[in-house]
Amino acid sequence: MKKLFLTGALAVILPSFTAAGGSTAPAAAVKPAKPAQLAQAGKKNSLPGGGWFTWKFDNKPKLGTCIMIIQAYSKDGRRDTSYELIGDSGMPSMPYHDSGAVKFKKNKKGNYLLPVDVVMPGEWRVIVRVKKDKKEIYAGEVLFNI
């Protein structure tokens, strides 16, 4: 009888507690804006502040690992390595199998490099996010088929 009374009391008290600001629901995460389509490989993609970047793959994408190469430039046309680039690759039709956020690595030439593991034929996407001073200033995506 006591268990039944306690269960009933909790059923009455608990909803009023959560309605009064004691919510147990997680805070809604802010989703970044949908990335824009990047220009073709080798073409300029403008960045805020007058800078720009180009991208290409080391080889034509095929099954296995291909490397995305990005070269960033300041508004005066000099190479700029002050950005932080983050990539996310995967198949749009299978979003739960994406790579997740991966930082591009910089080589000695100042190129930003991202390995993309292509594991099956189909449409693939690489999302590139550009940060300056820890703030995202640009997001773009590349779609390609294998």
C-alpha atoms as a PDB file:
ATOM      1  CA  MET A   1       0.000   0.000   0.000  1.00  0.00           C
ATOM      2  CA  LYS A   2       2.852   2.370   0.853  1.00  0.00           C
ATOM      3  CA  LYS A   3       4.466   1.696  -2.546  1.00  0.00           C
ATOM      4  CA  LEU A   4       1.222   2.505  -4.314  1.00  0.00           C
ATOM      5  CA  PHE A   5       0.845   5.743  -2.330  1.00  0.00           C
ATOM      6  CA  LEU A   6       4.469   6.808  -3.023  1.00  0.00           C
ATOM      7  CA  THR A   7       4.110   6.050  -6.733  1.00  0.00           C
ATOM      8  CA  GLY A   8       0.924   8.125  -6.894  1.00  0.00           C
ATOM      9  CA  ALA A   9       2.495  10.999  -4.968  1.00  0.00           C
ATOM     10  CA  LEU A  10       5.522  11.049  -7.277  1.00  0.00           C
ATOM     11  CA  ALA A  11       3.247  10.976 -10.310  1.00  0.00           C
ATOM     12  CA  VAL A  12       1.528  14.128  -9.037  1.00  0.00           C
ATOM     13  CA  ILE A  13       4.591  16.010  -7.736  1.00  0.00           C
ATOM     14  CA  LEU A  14       7.171  15.238 -10.452  1.00  0.00           C
ATOM     15  CA  PRO A  15       5.319  16.858 -13.405  1.00  0.00           C
ATOM     16  CA  SER A  16       4.829  20.078 -11.426  1.00  0.00           C
ATOM     17  CA  PHE A  17       8.532  20.108 -10.495  1.00  0.00           C
ATOM     18  CA  THR A  18       9.703  19.822 -14.110  1.00  0.00           C
ATOM     19  CA  ALA A  19       7.163  22.417 -15.269  1.00  0.00           C
ATOM     20  CA  ALA A  20       8.528  24.860 -12.666  1.00  0.00           C
ATOM     21  CA  GLY A  21      11.961  24.994 -14.243  1.00  0.00           C
ATOM     22  CA  GLY A  22      13.507  21.754 -13.062  1.00  0.00           C
ATOM     23  CA  SER A  23      13.448  20.301 -16.555  1.00  0.00           C
ATOM     24  CA  THR A  24      15.559  17.238 -17.137  1.00  0.00           C
ATOM     25  CA  ALA A  25      15.601  17.706 -20.928  1.00  0.00           C
ATOM     26  CA  PRO A  26      19.024  18.540 -22.425  1.00  0.00           C
ATOM     27  CA  ALA A  27      19.569  22.039 -23.808  1.00  0.00           C
ATOM     28  CA  ALA A  28      19.056  22.320 -27.550  1.00  0.00           C
ATOM     29  CA  ALA A  29      22.348  22.378 -29.447  1.00  0.00           C
ATOM     30  CA  VAL A  30      22.890  25.177 -31.942  1.00  0.00           C
ATOM     31  CA  LYS A  31      23.388  23.718 -35.406  1.00  0.00           C
ATOM     32  CA  PRO A  32      25.788  25.461 -37.772  1.00  0.00           C
ATOM     33  CA  ALA A  33      24.417  26.834 -41.029  1.00  0.00           C
ATOM     34  CA  LYS A  34      24.202  24.550 -44.058  1.00  0.00           C
ATOM     35  CA  PRO A  35      27.523  24.699 -45.933  1.00  0.00           C
ATOM     36  CA  ALA A  36      27.642  26.373 -49.346  1.00  0.00           C
ATOM     37  CA  GLN A  37      28.787  24.457 -52.430  1.00  0.00           C
ATOM     38  CA  LEU A  38      32.520  25.019 -53.016  1.00  0.00           C
ATOM     39  CA  ALA A  39      33.748  26.242 -56.397  1.00  0.00           C
ATOM     40  CA  GLN A  40      35.295  23.633 -58.695  1.00  0.00           C
ATOM     41  CA  ALA A  41      38.723  22.232 -57.849  1.00  0.00           C
ATOM     42  CA  GLY A  42      41.437  24.848 -58.426  1.00  0.00           C
ATOM     43  CA  LYS A  43      38.984  27.793 -58.439  1.00  0.00           C
ATOM     44  CA  LYS A  44      38.892  30.546 -55.799  1.00  0.00           C
ATOM     45  CA  ASN A  45      36.535  30.345 -52.822  1.00  0.00           C
ATOM     46  CA  SER A  46      36.216  33.750 -51.134  1.00  0.00           C
ATOM     47  CA  LEU A  47      36.656  34.155 -47.390  1.00  0.00           C
ATOM     48  CA  PRO A  48      35.465  37.060 -45.230  1.00  0.00           C
ATOM     49  CA  GLY A  49      38.109  39.777 -45.012  1.00  0.00           C
ATOM     50  CA  GLY A  50      39.221  39.418 -48.621  1.00  0.00           C
ATOM     51  CA  GLY A  51      41.169  36.156 -48.357  1.00  0.00           C
ATOM     52  CA  TRP A  52      40.434  33.085 -50.445  1.00  0.00           C
ATOM     53  CA  PHE A  53      41.356  29.427 -50.845  1.00  0.00           C
ATOM     54  CA  THR A  54      41.514  26.719 -53.483  1.00  0.00           C
ATOM     55  CA  TRP A  55      41.068  23.001 -53.073  1.00  0.00           C
ATOM     56  CA  LYS A  56      41.883  19.823 -54.989  1.00  0.00           C
ATOM     57  CA  PHE A  57      42.430  16.121 -54.426  1.00  0.00           C
ATOM     58  CA  ASP A  58      45.917  14.642 -54.774  1.00  0.00           C
ATOM     59  CA  ASN A  59      44.498  12.150 -57.311  1.00  0.00           C
ATOM     60  CA  LYS A  60      41.092  11.507 -58.816  1.00  0.00           C
ATOM     61  CA  PRO A  61      39.014  10.097 -55.923  1.00  0.00           C
ATOM     62  CA  LYS A  62      38.627   6.312 -55.977  1.00  0.00           C
ATOM     63  CA  LEU A  63      38.173   3.553 -53.420  1.00  0.00           C
ATOM     64  CA  GLY A  64      40.802   3.895 -50.723  1.00  0.00           C
ATOM     65  CA  THR A  65      42.296   7.049 -49.257  1.00  0.00           C
ATOM     66  CA  CYS A  66      42.517  10.288 -51.189  1.00  0.00           C
ATOM     67  CA  ILE A  67      43.985  13.503 -49.817  1.00  0.00           C
ATOM     68  CA  MET A  68      42.127  16.817 -50.012  1.00  0.00           C
ATOM     69  CA  ILE A  69      44.595  19.695 -50.383  1.00  0.00           C
ATOM     70  CA  ILE A  70      43.636  23.276 -49.537  1.00  0.00           C
ATOM     71  CA  GLN A  71      45.797  26.334 -50.135  1.00  0.00           C
ATOM     72  CA  ALA A  72      44.709  29.526 -48.356  1.00  0.00           C
ATOM     73  CA  TYR A  73      45.712  33.056 -49.377  1.00  0.00           C
ATOM     74  CA  SER A  74      45.418  36.500 -47.800  1.00  0.00           C
ATOM     75  CA  LYS A  75      43.768  39.382 -49.666  1.00  0.00           C
ATOM     76  CA  ASP A  76      47.181  40.464 -51.035  1.00  0.00           C
ATOM     77  CA  GLY A  77      47.715  37.009 -52.597  1.00  0.00           C
ATOM     78  CA  ARG A  78      50.264  35.651 -50.108  1.00  0.00           C
ATOM     79  CA  ARG A  79      49.913  32.188 -48.602  1.00  0.00           C
ATOM     80  CA  ASP A  80      48.070  32.314 -45.284  1.00  0.00           C
ATOM     81  CA  THR A  81      48.454  29.526 -42.733  1.00  0.00           C
ATOM     82  CA  SER A  82      46.716  31.304 -39.847  1.00  0.00           C
ATOM     83  CA  TYR A  83      43.399  29.529 -40.395  1.00  0.00           C
ATOM     84  CA  GLU A  84      42.193  26.395 -38.677  1.00  0.00           C
ATOM     85  CA  LEU A  85      40.463  24.045 -41.120  1.00  0.00           C
ATOM     86  CA  ILE A  86      38.195  21.219 -40.054  1.00  0.00           C
ATOM     87  CA  GLY A  87      36.841  18.567 -42.399  1.00  0.00           C
ATOM     88  CA  ASP A  88      34.031  16.052 -42.174  1.00  0.00           C
ATOM     89  CA  SER A  89      33.666  13.385 -44.846  1.00  0.00           C
ATOM     90  CA  GLY A  90      31.066  10.749 -45.556  1.00  0.00           C
ATOM     91  CA  MET A  91      28.180   9.672 -47.727  1.00  0.00           C
ATOM     92  CA  PRO A  92      25.137  11.991 -47.574  1.00  0.00           C
ATOM     93  CA  SER A  93      22.867   8.940 -47.824  1.00  0.00           C
ATOM     94  CA  MET A  94      24.509   7.415 -44.718  1.00  0.00           C
ATOM     95  CA  PRO A  95      24.999  10.355 -42.317  1.00  0.00           C
ATOM     96  CA  TYR A  96      25.620   8.226 -39.223  1.00  0.00           C
ATOM     97  CA  HIS A  97      28.820   6.848 -40.757  1.00  0.00           C
ATOM     98  CA  ASP A  98      30.570  10.198 -41.350  1.00  0.00           C
ATOM     99  CA  SER A  99      34.146  10.691 -40.190  1.00  0.00           C
ATOM    100  CA  GLY A 100      33.224  13.391 -37.697  1.00  0.00           C
ATOM    101  CA  ALA A 101      35.188  16.610 -37.334  1.00  0.00           C
ATOM    102  CA  VAL A 102      38.859  16.123 -38.277  1.00  0.00           C
ATOM    103  CA  LYS A 103      41.473  18.890 -38.291  1.00  0.00           C
ATOM    104  CA  PHE A 104      43.392  19.424 -41.502  1.00  0.00           C
ATOM    105  CA  LYS A 105      47.163  18.968 -41.048  1.00  0.00           C
ATOM    106  CA  LYS A 106      49.595  21.573 -42.397  1.00  0.00           C
ATOM    107  CA  ASN A 107      52.656  20.461 -44.324  1.00  0.00           C
ATOM    108  CA  LYS A 108      55.961  22.360 -44.766  1.00  0.00           C
ATOM    109  CA  LYS A 109      54.659  24.029 -47.935  1.00  0.00           C
ATOM    110  CA  GLY A 110      51.737  25.541 -46.012  1.00  0.00           C
ATOM    111  CA  ASN A 111      49.124  23.267 -47.588  1.00  0.00           C
ATOM    112  CA  TYR A 112      46.246  22.030 -45.477  1.00  0.00           C
ATOM    113  CA  LEU A 113      45.785  18.248 -45.890  1.00  0.00           C
ATOM    114  CA  LEU A 114      42.837  15.996 -45.045  1.00  0.00           C
ATOM    115  CA  PRO A 115      42.789  12.235 -45.722  1.00  0.00           C
ATOM    116  CA  VAL A 116      39.380  11.092 -46.983  1.00  0.00           C
ATOM    117  CA  ASP A 117      38.673   7.362 -46.661  1.00  0.00           C
ATOM    118  CA  VAL A 118      36.385   6.275 -49.501  1.00  0.00           C
ATOM    119  CA  VAL A 119      35.140   2.812 -48.551  1.00  0.00           C
ATOM    120  CA  MET A 120      32.379   2.129 -51.081  1.00  0.00           C
ATOM    121  CA  PRO A 121      31.016   3.408 -54.402  1.00  0.00           C
ATOM    122  CA  GLY A 122      28.397   6.151 -54.372  1.00  0.00           C
ATOM    123  CA  GLU A 123      28.037   9.863 -53.695  1.00  0.00           C
ATOM    124  CA  TRP A 124      30.499  11.319 -51.175  1.00  0.00           C
ATOM    125  CA  ARG A 125      30.689  14.687 -49.453  1.00  0.00           C
ATOM    126  CA  VAL A 126      33.483  16.596 -47.736  1.00  0.00           C
ATOM    127  CA  ILE A 127      32.454  19.535 -45.556  1.00  0.00           C
ATOM    128  CA  VAL A 128      35.169  22.137 -44.955  1.00  0.00           C
ATOM    129  CA  ARG A 129      34.873  24.550 -42.037  1.00  0.00           C
ATOM    130  CA  VAL A 130      37.295  27.479 -41.819  1.00  0.00           C
ATOM    131  CA  LYS A 131      38.013  29.091 -38.464  1.00  0.00           C
ATOM    132  CA  LYS A 132      39.922  32.259 -37.666  1.00  0.00           C
ATOM    133  CA  ASP A 133      40.659  33.125 -34.024  1.00  0.00           C
ATOM    134  CA  LYS A 134      38.567  30.100 -32.914  1.00  0.00           C
ATOM    135  CA  LYS A 135      35.471  31.463 -34.699  1.00  0.00           C
ATOM    136  CA  GLU A 136      33.951  29.751 -37.743  1.00  0.00           C
ATOM    137  CA  ILE A 137      34.011  32.184 -40.664  1.00  0.00           C
ATOM    138  CA  TYR A 138      33.137  29.881 -43.575  1.00  0.00           C
ATOM    139  CA  ALA A 139      31.634  26.476 -44.316  1.00  0.00           C
ATOM    140  CA  GLY A 140      31.496  24.776 -47.702  1.00  0.00           C
ATOM    141  CA  GLU A 141      31.036  21.313 -49.151  1.00  0.00           C
ATOM    142  CA  VAL A 142      32.293  19.269 -52.074  1.00  0.00           C
ATOM    143  CA  LEU A 143      30.209  16.446 -53.560  1.00  0.00           C
ATOM    144  CA  PHE A 144      31.772  13.734 -55.718  1.00  0.00           C
ATOM    145  CA  ASN A 145      30.876  10.271 -57.015  1.00  0.00           C
ATOM    146  CA  ILE A 146      32.871   7.048 -57.091  1.00  0.00           C
END
